[in-house]
PDB file of N, CA and C in Angstrom:
ATOM      1  N   MET A   1       0.831  -1.153  -0.004  1.00  0.00           N
ATOM      2  CA  MET A   1       0.005   0.006  -0.004  1.00  0.00           C
ATOM      3  C   MET A   1       0.879   1.235  -0.006  1.00  0.00           C
ATOM      4  N   LYS A   2       0.569   2.139  -0.886  1.00  0.00           N
ATOM      5  CA  LYS A   2       1.365   3.349  -1.035  1.00  0.00           C
ATOM      6  C   LYS A   2       0.924   4.400  -0.018  1.00  0.00           C
ATOM      7  N   TRP A   3       1.917   5.065   0.586  1.00  0.00           N
ATOM      8  CA  TRP A   3       1.623   6.086   1.596  1.00  0.00           C
ATOM      9  C   TRP A   3       1.160   7.362   0.909  1.00  0.00           C
ATOM     10  N   HIS A   4       0.182   8.045   1.524  1.00  0.00           N
ATOM     11  CA  HIS A   4      -0.225   9.346   1.030  1.00  0.00           C
ATOM     12  C   HIS A   4      -0.415  10.291   2.223  1.00  0.00           C
ATOM     13  N   ALA A   5      -0.242  11.538   1.996  1.00  0.00           N
ATOM     14  CA  ALA A   5      -0.346  12.539   3.063  1.00  0.00           C
ATOM     15  C   ALA A   5      -1.775  12.610   3.576  1.00  0.00           C
ATOM     16  N   PRO A   6      -1.927  12.909   4.879  1.00  0.00           N
ATOM     17  CA  PRO A   6      -3.277  13.025   5.427  1.00  0.00           C
ATOM     18  C   PRO A   6      -4.012  14.200   4.785  1.00  0.00           C
ATOM     19  N   SER A   7      -5.302  14.089   4.756  1.00  0.00           N
ATOM     20  CA  SER A   7      -6.101  15.139   4.139  1.00  0.00           C
ATOM     21  C   SER A   7      -6.044  16.417   5.004  1.00  0.00           C
ATOM     22  N   GLU A   8      -6.496  17.516   4.445  1.00  0.00           N
ATOM     23  CA  GLU A   8      -6.497  18.780   5.167  1.00  0.00           C
ATOM     24  C   GLU A   8      -7.395  18.697   6.397  1.00  0.00           C
ATOM     25  N   ARG A   9      -8.464  17.991   6.272  1.00  0.00           N
ATOM     26  CA  ARG A   9      -9.386  17.830   7.411  1.00  0.00           C
ATOM     27  C   ARG A   9      -8.692  17.081   8.531  1.00  0.00           C
ATOM     28  N   THR A  10      -7.984  16.018   8.218  1.00  0.00           N
ATOM     29  CA  THR A  10      -7.266  15.239   9.240  1.00  0.00           C
ATOM     30  C   THR A  10      -6.172  16.084   9.872  1.00  0.00           C
ATOM     31  N   GLN A  11      -5.472  16.871   9.065  1.00  0.00           N
ATOM     32  CA  GLN A  11      -4.434  17.754   9.624  1.00  0.00           C
ATOM     33  C   GLN A  11      -5.033  18.772  10.587  1.00  0.00           C
ATOM     34  N   LEU A  12      -6.197  19.319  10.223  1.00  0.00           N
ATOM     35  CA  LEU A  12      -6.852  20.290  11.107  1.00  0.00           C
ATOM     36  C   LEU A  12      -7.294  19.623  12.417  1.00  0.00           C
ATOM     37  N   ILE A  13      -7.785  18.426  12.351  1.00  0.00           N
ATOM     38  CA  ILE A  13      -8.185  17.718  13.579  1.00  0.00           C
ATOM     39  C   ILE A  13      -6.966  17.423  14.441  1.00  0.00           C
ATOM     40  N   LEU A  14      -5.853  17.031  13.834  1.00  0.00           N
ATOM     41  CA  LEU A  14      -4.657  16.733  14.593  1.00  0.00           C
ATOM     42  C   LEU A  14      -4.059  18.002  15.236  1.00  0.00           C
ATOM     43  N   LEU A  15      -4.177  19.113  14.555  1.00  0.00           N
ATOM     44  CA  LEU A  15      -3.599  20.368  15.076  1.00  0.00           C
ATOM     45  C   LEU A  15      -4.559  21.166  15.915  1.00  0.00           C
ATOM     46  N   SER A  16      -5.784  20.739  16.105  1.00  0.00           N
ATOM     47  CA  SER A  16      -6.770  21.536  16.834  1.00  0.00           C
ATOM     48  C   SER A  16      -6.343  21.845  18.281  1.00  0.00           C
ATOM     49  N   PRO A  17      -5.717  20.914  19.023  1.00  0.00           N
ATOM     50  CA  PRO A  17      -5.246  21.301  20.370  1.00  0.00           C
ATOM     51  C   PRO A  17      -4.214  22.412  20.348  1.00  0.00           C
ATOM     52  N   VAL A  18      -3.315  22.359  19.379  1.00  0.00           N
ATOM     53  CA  VAL A  18      -2.281  23.409  19.263  1.00  0.00           C
ATOM     54  C   VAL A  18      -2.928  24.722  18.879  1.00  0.00           C
ATOM     55  N   ILE A  19      -3.879  24.705  17.978  1.00  0.00           N
ATOM     56  CA  ILE A  19      -4.559  25.929  17.554  1.00  0.00           C
ATOM     57  C   ILE A  19      -5.341  26.525  18.733  1.00  0.00           C
ATOM     58  N   ALA A  20      -5.988  25.679  19.527  1.00  0.00           N
ATOM     59  CA  ALA A  20      -6.758  26.161  20.666  1.00  0.00           C
ATOM     60  C   ALA A  20      -5.848  26.827  21.701  1.00  0.00           C
ATOM     61  N   VAL A  21      -4.718  26.213  22.020  1.00  0.00           N
ATOM     62  CA  VAL A  21      -3.791  26.793  22.975  1.00  0.00           C
ATOM     63  C   VAL A  21      -3.215  28.107  22.437  1.00  0.00           C
ATOM     64  N   ALA A  22      -2.893  28.161  21.164  1.00  0.00           N
ATOM     65  CA  ALA A  22      -2.374  29.388  20.547  1.00  0.00           C
ATOM     66  C   ALA A  22      -3.415  30.512  20.563  1.00  0.00           C
ATOM     67  N   ALA A  23      -4.663  30.176  20.354  1.00  0.00           N
ATOM     68  CA  ALA A  23      -5.726  31.188  20.394  1.00  0.00           C
ATOM     69  C   ALA A  23      -5.932  31.721  21.790  1.00  0.00           C
ATOM     70  N   ILE A  24      -5.891  30.856  22.799  1.00  0.00           N
ATOM     71  CA  ILE A  24      -6.021  31.314  24.179  1.00  0.00           C
ATOM     72  C   ILE A  24      -4.854  32.181  24.568  1.00  0.00           C
ATOM     73  N   ALA A  25      -3.644  31.804  24.165  1.00  0.00           N
ATOM     74  CA  ALA A  25      -2.461  32.616  24.456  1.00  0.00           C
ATOM     75  C   ALA A  25      -2.556  33.979  23.787  1.00  0.00           C
ATOM     76  N   ALA A  26      -3.051  34.018  22.552  1.00  0.00           N
ATOM     77  CA  ALA A  26      -3.175  35.288  21.849  1.00  0.00           C
ATOM     78  C   ALA A  26      -4.232  36.175  22.510  1.00  0.00           C
ATOM     79  N   LEU A  27      -5.338  35.577  22.962  1.00  0.00           N
ATOM     80  CA  LEU A  27      -6.358  36.363  23.645  1.00  0.00           C
ATOM     81  C   LEU A  27      -5.853  36.947  24.969  1.00  0.00           C
ATOM     82  N   TRP A  28      -4.900  36.283  25.604  1.00  0.00           N
ATOM     83  CA  TRP A  28      -4.330  36.774  26.846  1.00  0.00           C
ATOM     84  C   TRP A  28      -3.204  37.777  26.595  1.00  0.00           C
ATOM     85  N   PHE A  29      -2.379  37.519  25.576  1.00  0.00           N
ATOM     86  CA  PHE A  29      -1.170  38.321  25.341  1.00  0.00           C
ATOM     87  C   PHE A  29      -1.461  39.641  24.614  1.00  0.00           C
ATOM     88  N   LEU A  30      -2.314  39.633  23.620  1.00  0.00           N
ATOM     89  CA  LEU A  30      -2.522  40.835  22.810  1.00  0.00           C
ATOM     90  C   LEU A  30      -3.067  42.022  23.598  1.00  0.00           C
ATOM     91  N   PRO A  31      -4.066  41.861  24.483  1.00  0.00           N
ATOM     92  CA  PRO A  31      -4.483  43.031  25.255  1.00  0.00           C
ATOM     93  C   PRO A  31      -3.389  43.574  26.173  1.00  0.00           C
ATOM     94  N   ILE A  32      -2.580  42.686  26.749  1.00  0.00           N
ATOM     95  CA  ILE A  32      -1.496  43.133  27.626  1.00  0.00           C
ATOM     96  C   ILE A  32      -0.455  43.892  26.824  1.00  0.00           C
ATOM     97  N   ALA A  33      -0.105  43.393  25.642  1.00  0.00           N
ATOM     98  CA  ALA A  33       0.850  44.087  24.772  1.00  0.00           C
ATOM     99  C   ALA A  33       0.292  45.444  24.355  1.00  0.00           C
ATOM    100  N   GLY A  34      -0.999  45.506  24.093  1.00  0.00           N
ATOM    101  CA  GLY A  34      -1.636  46.774  23.732  1.00  0.00           C
ATOM    102  C   GLY A  34      -1.579  47.774  24.872  1.00  0.00           C
ATOM    103  N   LEU A  35      -1.749  47.297  26.111  1.00  0.00           N
ATOM    104  CA  LEU A  35      -1.670  48.207  27.253  1.00  0.00           C
ATOM    105  C   LEU A  35      -0.273  48.757  27.430  1.00  0.00           C
ATOM    106  N   PHE A  36       0.760  47.944  27.226  1.00  0.00           N
ATOM    107  CA  PHE A  36       2.120  48.447  27.302  1.00  0.00           C
ATOM    108  C   PHE A  36       2.381  49.496  26.220  1.00  0.00           C
ATOM    109  N   TRP A  37       1.855  49.259  25.025  1.00  0.00           N
ATOM    110  CA  TRP A  37       2.032  50.223  23.930  1.00  0.00           C
ATOM    111  C   TRP A  37       1.339  51.527  24.278  1.00  0.00           C
ATOM    112  N   LEU A  38       0.112  51.459  24.814  1.00  0.00           N
ATOM    113  CA  LEU A  38      -0.622  52.658  25.191  1.00  0.00           C
ATOM    114  C   LEU A  38       0.109  53.398  26.320  1.00  0.00           C
ATOM    115  N   ASP A  39       0.673  52.663  27.279  1.00  0.00           N
ATOM    116  CA  ASP A  39       1.398  53.288  28.388  1.00  0.00           C
ATOM    117  C   ASP A  39       2.620  54.042  27.883  1.00  0.00           C
ATOM    118  N   ASP A  40       3.342  53.449  26.923  1.00  0.00           N
ATOM    119  CA  ASP A  40       4.492  54.150  26.338  1.00  0.00           C
ATOM    120  C   ASP A  40       4.065  55.418  25.630  1.00  0.00           C
ATOM    121  N   LYS A  41       2.997  55.357  24.853  1.00  0.00           N
ATOM    122  CA  LYS A  41       2.500  56.545  24.154  1.00  0.00           C
ATOM    123  C   LYS A  41       2.101  57.612  25.169  1.00  0.00           C
ATOM    124  N   TRP A  42       1.425  57.202  26.233  1.00  0.00           N
ATOM    125  CA  TRP A  42       0.968  58.162  27.267  1.00  0.00           C
ATOM    126  C   TRP A  42       2.166  58.826  27.943  1.00  0.00           C
ATOM    127  N   ARG A  43       3.193  58.044  28.271  1.00  0.00           N
ATOM    128  CA  ARG A  43       4.359  58.603  28.961  1.00  0.00           C
ATOM    129  C   ARG A  43       5.132  59.553  28.049  1.00  0.00           C
ATOM    130  N   VAL A  44       5.213  59.271  26.764  1.00  0.00           N
ATOM    131  CA  VAL A  44       5.881  60.197  25.830  1.00  0.00           C
ATOM    132  C   VAL A  44       5.105  61.502  25.761  1.00  0.00           C
ATOM    133  N   ARG A  45       3.789  61.417  25.716  1.00  0.00           N
ATOM    134  CA  ARG A  45       2.964  62.614  25.666  1.00  0.00           C
ATOM    135  C   ARG A  45       3.077  63.428  26.944  1.00  0.00           C
ATOM    136  N   GLN A  46       3.087  62.755  28.091  1.00  0.00           N
ATOM    137  CA  GLN A  46       3.221  63.452  29.362  1.00  0.00           C
ATOM    138  C   GLN A  46       4.621  64.077  29.503  1.00  0.00           C
ATOM    139  N   ALA A  47       5.648  63.389  29.012  1.00  0.00           N
ATOM    140  CA  ALA A  47       7.014  63.915  29.130  1.00  0.00           C
ATOM    141  C   ALA A  47       7.156  65.173  28.286  1.00  0.00           C
ATOM    142  N   ALA A  48       6.465  65.262  27.164  1.00  0.00           N
ATOM    143  CA  ALA A  48       6.562  66.454  26.314  1.00  0.00           C
ATOM    144  C   ALA A  48       5.925  67.676  27.001  1.00  0.00           C
ATOM    145  N   LYS A  49       4.993  67.452  27.912  1.00  0.00           N
ATOM    146  CA  LYS A  49       4.347  68.555  28.590  1.00  0.00           C
ATOM    147  C   LYS A  49       5.244  69.208  29.647  1.00  0.00           C
ATOM    148  N   GLY A  50       6.206  68.474  30.206  1.00  0.00           N
ATOM    149  CA  GLY A  50       7.018  68.999  31.288  1.00  0.00           C
ATOM    150  C   GLY A  50       6.161  69.109  32.557  1.00  0.00           C
ATOM    151  N   TRP A  51       6.433  70.143  33.358  1.00  0.00           N
ATOM    152  CA  TRP A  51       5.604  70.362  34.554  1.00  0.00           C
ATOM    153  C   TRP A  51       4.231  70.856  34.128  1.00  0.00           C
ATOM    154  N   HIS A  52       3.201  70.188  34.606  1.00  0.00           N
ATOM    155  CA  HIS A  52       1.830  70.594  34.260  1.00  0.00           C
ATOM    156  C   HIS A  52       0.929  70.383  35.475  1.00  0.00           C
ATOM    157  N   PRO A  53      -0.150  71.178  35.581  1.00  0.00           N
ATOM    158  CA  PRO A  53      -1.039  71.035  36.726  1.00  0.00           C
ATOM    159  C   PRO A  53      -1.750  69.671  36.707  1.00  0.00           C
ATOM    160  N   TRP A  54      -1.911  69.132  37.896  1.00  0.00           N
ATOM    161  CA  TRP A  54      -2.551  67.828  38.043  1.00  0.00           C
ATOM    162  C   TRP A  54      -3.258  67.768  39.378  1.00  0.00           C
ATOM    163  N   LEU A  55      -4.484  67.289  39.396  1.00  0.00           N
ATOM    164  CA  LEU A  55      -5.206  67.118  40.642  1.00  0.00           C
ATOM    165  C   LEU A  55      -4.771  65.849  41.314  1.00  0.00           C
ATOM    166  N   ALA A  56      -4.243  65.960  42.515  1.00  0.00           N
ATOM    167  CA  ALA A  56      -3.773  64.779  43.250  1.00  0.00           C
ATOM    168  C   ALA A  56      -4.984  64.038  43.802  1.00  0.00           C
ATOM    169  N   TRP A  57      -5.598  63.228  42.996  1.00  0.00           N
ATOM    170  CA  TRP A  57      -6.787  62.481  43.392  1.00  0.00           C
ATOM    171  C   TRP A  57      -6.442  61.313  44.300  1.00  0.00           C
ATOM    172  N   ARG A  58      -5.151  61.030  44.424  1.00  0.00           N
ATOM    173  CA  ARG A  58      -4.673  60.025  45.363  1.00  0.00           C
ATOM    174  C   ARG A  58      -3.517  60.637  46.131  1.00  0.00           C
ATOM    175  N   PRO A  59      -3.170  60.121  47.292  1.00  0.00           N
ATOM    176  CA  PRO A  59      -2.080  60.703  48.071  1.00  0.00           C
ATOM    177  C   PRO A  59      -0.731  60.570  47.316  1.00  0.00           C
ATOM    178  N   VAL A  60      -0.014  61.679  47.209  1.00  0.00           N
ATOM    179  CA  VAL A  60       1.304  61.676  46.584  1.00  0.00           C
ATOM    180  C   VAL A  60       2.273  62.458  47.471  1.00  0.00           C
ATOM    181  N   LYS A  61       3.559  62.108  47.403  1.00  0.00           N
ATOM    182  CA  LYS A  61       4.582  62.822  48.156  1.00  0.00           C
ATOM    183  C   LYS A  61       5.125  63.962  47.296  1.00  0.00           C
ATOM    184  N   VAL A  62       5.156  65.138  47.860  1.00  0.00           N
ATOM    185  CA  VAL A  62       5.618  66.320  47.171  1.00  0.00           C
ATOM    186  C   VAL A  62       7.028  66.642  47.631  1.00  0.00           C
ATOM    187  N   GLY A  63       7.910  66.957  46.696  1.00  0.00           N
ATOM    188  CA  GLY A  63       9.292  67.317  47.031  1.00  0.00           C
ATOM    189  C   GLY A  63      10.282  66.364  46.445  1.00  0.00           C
ATOM    190  N   GLU A  64      11.543  66.684  46.608  1.00  0.00           N
ATOM    191  CA  GLU A  64      12.616  65.839  46.099  1.00  0.00           C
ATOM    192  C   GLU A  64      12.685  64.538  46.888  1.00  0.00           C
ATOM    193  N   TRP A  65      13.078  63.477  46.261  1.00  0.00           N
ATOM    194  CA  TRP A  65      13.027  62.168  46.906  1.00  0.00           C
ATOM    195  C   TRP A  65      14.006  62.068  48.055  1.00  0.00           C
ATOM    196  N   TRP A  66      15.088  62.855  48.040  1.00  0.00           N
ATOM    197  CA  TRP A  66      16.084  62.768  49.097  1.00  0.00           C
ATOM    198  C   TRP A  66      15.790  63.730  50.281  1.00  0.00           C
ATOM    199  N   ALA A  67      14.856  64.653  50.100  1.00  0.00           N
ATOM    200  CA  ALA A  67      14.566  65.632  51.136  1.00  0.00           C
ATOM    201  C   ALA A  67      13.831  64.984  52.310  1.00  0.00           C
ATOM    202  N   LYS A  68      14.183  65.399  53.509  1.00  0.00           N
ATOM    203  CA  LYS A  68      13.560  64.845  54.706  1.00  0.00           C
ATOM    204  C   LYS A  68      12.203  65.499  54.986  1.00  0.00           C
ATOM    205  N   ASP A  69      11.963  66.675  54.418  1.00  0.00           N
ATOM    206  CA  ASP A  69      10.730  67.403  54.706  1.00  0.00           C
ATOM    207  C   ASP A  69       9.648  67.156  53.645  1.00  0.00           C
ATOM    208  N   ARG A  70       9.703  66.023  52.996  1.00  0.00           N
ATOM    209  CA  ARG A  70       8.652  65.698  52.027  1.00  0.00           C
ATOM    210  C   ARG A  70       7.347  65.546  52.760  1.00  0.00           C
ATOM    211  N   ARG A  71       6.263  65.920  52.083  1.00  0.00           N
ATOM    212  CA  ARG A  71       4.945  65.792  52.726  1.00  0.00           C
ATOM    213  C   ARG A  71       3.961  65.190  51.740  1.00  0.00           C
ATOM    214  N   TRP A  72       2.912  64.618  52.320  1.00  0.00           N
ATOM    215  CA  TRP A  72       1.850  64.008  51.528  1.00  0.00           C
ATOM    216  C   TRP A  72       0.831  65.079  51.150  1.00  0.00           C
ATOM    217  N   VAL A  73       0.325  64.993  49.921  1.00  0.00           N
ATOM    218  CA  VAL A  73      -0.706  65.899  49.429  1.00  0.00           C
ATOM    219  C   VAL A  73      -1.806  65.043  48.841  1.00  0.00           C
ATOM    220  N   TRP A  74      -3.046  65.472  49.113  1.00  0.00           N
ATOM    221  CA  TRP A  74      -4.178  64.708  48.592  1.00  0.00           C
ATOM    222  C   TRP A  74      -5.331  65.678  48.309  1.00  0.00           C
ATOM    223  N   LEU A  75      -5.968  65.517  47.169  1.00  0.00           N
ATOM    224  CA  LEU A  75      -7.084  66.339  46.733  1.00  0.00           C
ATOM    225  C   LEU A  75      -6.715  67.811  46.630  1.00  0.00           C
ATOM    226  N   GLU A  76      -5.511  68.090  46.156  1.00  0.00           N
ATOM    227  CA  GLU A  76      -5.016  69.442  45.882  1.00  0.00           C
ATOM    228  C   GLU A  76      -4.431  69.442  44.493  1.00  0.00           C
ATOM    229  N   THR A  77      -4.321  70.625  43.894  1.00  0.00           N
ATOM    230  CA  THR A  77      -3.661  70.748  42.615  1.00  0.00           C
ATOM    231  C   THR A  77      -2.160  70.877  42.838  1.00  0.00           C
ATOM    232  N   VAL A  78      -1.422  69.991  42.197  1.00  0.00           N
ATOM    233  CA  VAL A  78       0.050  70.019  42.247  1.00  0.00           C
ATOM    234  C   VAL A  78       0.553  70.037  40.815  1.00  0.00           C
ATOM    235  N   GLU A  79       1.866  70.189  40.639  1.00  0.00           N
ATOM    236  CA  GLU A  79       2.461  70.069  39.320  1.00  0.00           C
ATOM    237  C   GLU A  79       3.164  68.717  39.245  1.00  0.00           C
ATOM    238  N   ARG A  80       3.083  68.132  38.073  1.00  0.00           N
ATOM    239  CA  ARG A  80       3.613  66.785  37.899  1.00  0.00           C
ATOM    240  C   ARG A  80       4.377  66.718  36.580  1.00  0.00           C
ATOM    241  N   ARG A  81       5.390  65.867  36.559  1.00  0.00           N
ATOM    242  CA  ARG A  81       6.121  65.564  35.328  1.00  0.00           C
ATOM    243  C   ARG A  81       6.606  64.123  35.355  1.00  0.00           C
ATOM    244  N   VAL A  82       6.913  63.589  34.188  1.00  0.00           N
ATOM    245  CA  VAL A  82       7.453  62.235  34.099  1.00  0.00           C
ATOM    246  C   VAL A  82       8.897  62.263  34.532  1.00  0.00           C
ATOM    247  N   ARG A  83       9.308  61.287  35.330  1.00  0.00           N
ATOM    248  CA  ARG A  83      10.707  61.219  35.779  1.00  0.00           C
ATOM    249  C   ARG A  83      11.632  60.998  34.610  1.00  0.00           C
ATOM    250  N   LYS A  84      12.783  61.649  34.630  1.00  0.00           N
ATOM    251  CA  LYS A  84      13.752  61.478  33.560  1.00  0.00           C
ATOM    252  C   LYS A  84      14.374  60.098  33.591  1.00  0.00           C
ATOM    253  N   TYR A  85      14.622  59.590  34.783  1.00  0.00           N
ATOM    254  CA  TYR A  85      15.223  58.276  34.924  1.00  0.00           C
ATOM    255  C   TYR A  85      14.300  57.428  35.798  1.00  0.00           C
ATOM    256  N   GLY A  86      14.099  56.210  35.405  1.00  0.00           N
ATOM    257  CA  GLY A  86      13.243  55.329  36.180  1.00  0.00           C
ATOM    258  C   GLY A  86      11.790  55.496  35.798  1.00  0.00           C
ATOM    259  N   ASP A  87      10.957  54.928  36.615  1.00  0.00           N
ATOM    260  CA  ASP A  87       9.525  54.927  36.371  1.00  0.00           C
ATOM    261  C   ASP A  87       8.825  55.904  37.306  1.00  0.00           C
ATOM    262  N   GLY A  88       7.709  56.384  36.937  1.00  0.00           N
ATOM    263  CA  GLY A  88       6.906  57.205  37.839  1.00  0.00           C
ATOM    264  C   GLY A  88       6.936  58.667  37.490  1.00  0.00           C
ATOM    265  N   TYR A  89       6.540  59.475  38.456  1.00  0.00           N
ATOM    266  CA  TYR A  89       6.389  60.914  38.269  1.00  0.00           C
ATOM    267  C   TYR A  89       7.040  61.672  39.418  1.00  0.00           C
ATOM    268  N   ASP A  90       7.393  62.921  39.174  1.00  0.00           N
ATOM    269  CA  ASP A  90       7.838  63.850  40.198  1.00  0.00           C
ATOM    270  C   ASP A  90       6.697  64.830  40.444  1.00  0.00           C
ATOM    271  N   TYR A  91       6.530  65.224  41.698  1.00  0.00           N
ATOM    272  CA  TYR A  91       5.454  66.140  42.088  1.00  0.00           C
ATOM    273  C   TYR A  91       6.052  67.325  42.816  1.00  0.00           C
ATOM    274  N   ARG A  92       5.438  68.495  42.638  1.00  0.00           N
ATOM    275  CA  ARG A  92       5.832  69.682  43.376  1.00  0.00           C
ATOM    276  C   ARG A  92       4.623  70.576  43.529  1.00  0.00           C
ATOM    277  N   LEU A  93       4.714  71.483  44.508  1.00  0.00           N
ATOM    278  CA  LEU A  93       3.640  72.442  44.695  1.00  0.00           C
ATOM    279  C   LEU A  93       3.702  73.472  43.573  1.00  0.00           C
ATOM    280  N   PRO A  94       2.573  74.032  43.184  1.00  0.00           N
ATOM    281  CA  PRO A  94       2.591  75.029  42.080  1.00  0.00           C
ATOM    282  C   PRO A  94       3.509  76.197  42.406  1.00  0.00           C
ATOM    283  N   GLY A  95       4.323  76.556  41.425  1.00  0.00           N
ATOM    284  CA  GLY A  95       5.238  77.695  41.580  1.00  0.00           C
ATOM    285  C   GLY A  95       6.555  77.370  42.239  1.00  0.00           C
ATOM    286  N   ALA A  96       6.751  76.166  42.715  1.00  0.00           N
ATOM    287  CA  ALA A  96       8.019  75.788  43.351  1.00  0.00           C
ATOM    288  C   ALA A  96       9.115  75.621  42.304  1.00  0.00           C
ATOM    289  N   GLU A  97      10.364  75.793  42.732  1.00  0.00           N
ATOM    290  CA  GLU A  97      11.507  75.625  41.817  1.00  0.00           C
ATOM    291  C   GLU A  97      11.744  74.145  41.565  1.00  0.00           C
ATOM    292  N   ALA A  98      12.178  73.818  40.348  1.00  0.00           N
ATOM    293  CA  ALA A  98      12.426  72.436  39.962  1.00  0.00           C
ATOM    294  C   ALA A  98      13.761  71.954  40.490  1.00  0.00           C
TER     295      ALA A  98
END
């Protein structure tokens, strides 16, 4: 008996577990990758603004990170910018020197 390749239907049935796992992985990975892309776009846009007014809707520490007199501010307008190095933001009171 001469060998012949399996039909396309048989190939699809044999690969269905692999296709199912790949589809589940894609459904999990693509939204997360999209969120990282959006976060990068957001941070570039925020960095271009420099210091800008921001309502501290959550508690944030105002002042330089090494200063001992840093204080918490909440539900006040502060100025915010993207940190040059590392992740996160710097906060200061309006009109303060950078």
